[in-house]
Amino acid sequence: MIAVFVTFQVKDEVKKQISDISIARKHIQKVVEGCRKIPGLKEKHFIMDPSTAAQGAMLIWEKQEQFDAYLKSPEYKATVLDICQGKPSINIYQYTANLTDGVLI
C-alpha cells in the first residue's frame, strides 16, 4: 500500500465560496461520496488551513497503479485541478503501519 499527501492553494473564487461553511460542507460531502467509489482508494483524510483556505488530503491506496489511474480521472480533475491555483504538491510514501492494523510491511 501507499500513502499519498496532496496539498494545494485554492483559486480566489473558491476561497470566497468556501468561506460560507454551508457551501463548504456541501462540497466536501459531495467529494466524500465520490471518493467512496474510487477503485483502490482505502482511506482519505481531508485537511484545510483555516487562515489561507489551502486544501489537502492524505490518501491510502492499495496499489500505485490505482493512484496513477486516479490522477487521470474526472474525479481528480473536479476535486483538485479545477479548484487548485498552480500545481498541487504530491508526495508518495510506502504505507507502513497504523493504529488499527499495526505493522503493514
Protein backbone atom coordinates (compact mmCIF):
# COMPACT_ATOMS: atom_id res chain seq x y z
CA MET A 1 0.00 0.00 0.00
CA ILE A 2 1.00 3.59 -0.50
CA ALA A 3 0.22 6.85 1.31
CA VAL A 4 -0.12 9.98 -0.80
CA PHE A 5 -0.09 13.53 0.50
CA VAL A 6 -1.62 16.14 -1.79
CA THR A 7 -1.66 19.86 -0.90
CA PHE A 8 -2.55 22.95 -2.90
CA GLN A 9 -3.67 26.55 -2.76
CA VAL A 10 -7.20 27.18 -3.96
CA LYS A 11 -8.27 29.74 -6.55
CA ASP A 12 -9.55 33.05 -5.17
CA GLU A 13 -13.11 32.39 -6.34
CA VAL A 14 -13.08 29.06 -4.49
CA LYS A 15 -11.85 30.78 -1.30
CA LYS A 16 -14.86 33.10 -1.48
CA GLN A 17 -17.25 30.19 -1.96
CA ILE A 18 -15.89 28.01 0.85
CA SER A 19 -15.87 30.92 3.28
CA ASP A 20 -19.58 30.09 3.57
CA ILE A 21 -19.44 26.99 5.78
CA SER A 22 -22.69 25.58 4.41
CA ILE A 23 -21.29 25.68 0.86
CA ALA A 24 -18.01 24.17 2.07
CA ARG A 25 -19.83 21.31 3.83
CA LYS A 26 -21.95 20.52 0.76
CA HIS A 27 -18.87 20.47 -1.46
CA ILE A 28 -16.89 18.26 0.91
CA GLN A 29 -19.83 15.86 1.32
CA LYS A 30 -20.10 15.50 -2.46
CA VAL A 31 -16.36 14.81 -2.71
CA VAL A 32 -16.51 12.25 0.12
CA GLU A 33 -19.36 10.37 -1.58
CA GLY A 34 -17.46 10.32 -4.87
CA CYS A 35 -14.27 9.10 -3.21
CA ARG A 36 -16.07 6.08 -1.77
CA LYS A 37 -16.45 4.79 -5.34
CA ILE A 38 -12.82 5.17 -6.48
CA PRO A 39 -11.15 1.78 -7.08
CA GLY A 40 -8.24 1.09 -4.75
CA LEU A 41 -8.76 4.13 -2.50
CA LYS A 42 -8.85 2.74 1.04
CA GLU A 43 -8.92 5.97 3.06
CA LYS A 44 -8.83 9.71 2.55
CA HIS A 45 -8.32 12.34 5.24
CA PHE A 46 -9.16 15.90 4.17
CA ILE A 47 -7.34 18.94 5.57
CA MET A 48 -7.67 22.72 5.24
CA ASP A 49 -5.57 25.60 6.53
CA PRO A 50 -8.16 27.89 8.16
CA SER A 51 -6.06 31.01 7.61
CA THR A 52 -5.43 30.55 3.87
CA ALA A 53 -8.09 28.00 2.79
CA ALA A 54 -5.27 25.84 1.35
CA GLN A 55 -6.54 22.30 0.86
CA GLY A 56 -5.06 18.86 1.05
CA ALA A 57 -5.53 15.22 1.80
CA MET A 58 -3.74 12.09 2.89
CA LEU A 59 -4.86 9.14 0.79
CA ILE A 60 -4.20 5.44 1.32
CA TRP A 61 -4.13 3.33 -1.85
CA GLU A 62 -3.92 -0.41 -2.36
CA LYS A 63 -1.56 0.00 -5.34
CA GLN A 64 0.48 2.70 -7.06
CA GLU A 65 -1.26 1.86 -10.36
CA GLN A 66 -4.63 2.76 -8.88
CA PHE A 67 -3.34 6.15 -7.76
CA ASP A 68 -1.82 6.71 -11.21
CA ALA A 69 -5.22 5.99 -12.78
CA TYR A 70 -6.89 8.41 -10.34
CA LEU A 71 -4.56 11.20 -11.49
CA LYS A 72 -6.06 10.81 -14.98
CA SER A 73 -9.67 10.60 -13.78
CA PRO A 74 -12.53 13.10 -13.94
CA GLU A 75 -12.74 12.91 -10.12
CA TYR A 76 -9.18 14.21 -9.71
CA LYS A 77 -9.81 16.98 -12.22
CA ALA A 78 -13.03 18.04 -10.47
CA THR A 79 -11.80 17.81 -6.87
CA VAL A 80 -8.23 19.07 -7.26
CA LEU A 81 -7.26 20.52 -10.62
CA ASP A 82 -10.42 22.60 -11.14
CA ILE A 83 -10.08 24.38 -7.78
CA CYS A 84 -6.28 24.43 -7.49
CA GLN A 85 -4.21 27.54 -8.09
CA GLY A 86 -0.99 26.42 -9.70
CA LYS A 87 0.18 22.84 -9.45
CA PRO A 88 -0.60 20.62 -6.45
CA SER A 89 2.22 19.20 -4.36
CA ILE A 90 2.15 15.39 -4.38
CA ASN A 91 4.34 13.20 -2.16
CA ILE A 92 4.16 9.40 -2.22
CA TYR A 93 5.33 7.08 0.58
CA GLN A 94 5.17 3.42 1.45
CA TYR A 95 2.36 2.93 3.97
CA THR A 96 3.99 1.01 6.82
CA ALA A 97 1.60 0.90 9.82
CA ASN A 98 -1.48 2.32 11.51
CA LEU A 99 -3.05 2.16 14.96
CA THR A 100 -5.87 -0.16 13.92
CA ASP A 101 -3.99 -2.79 11.92
CA GLY A 102 -0.49 -2.40 13.32
CA VAL A 103 2.56 -3.06 11.12
CA LEU A 104 1.72 -3.49 7.42
CA ILE A 105 5.13 -4.20 5.90
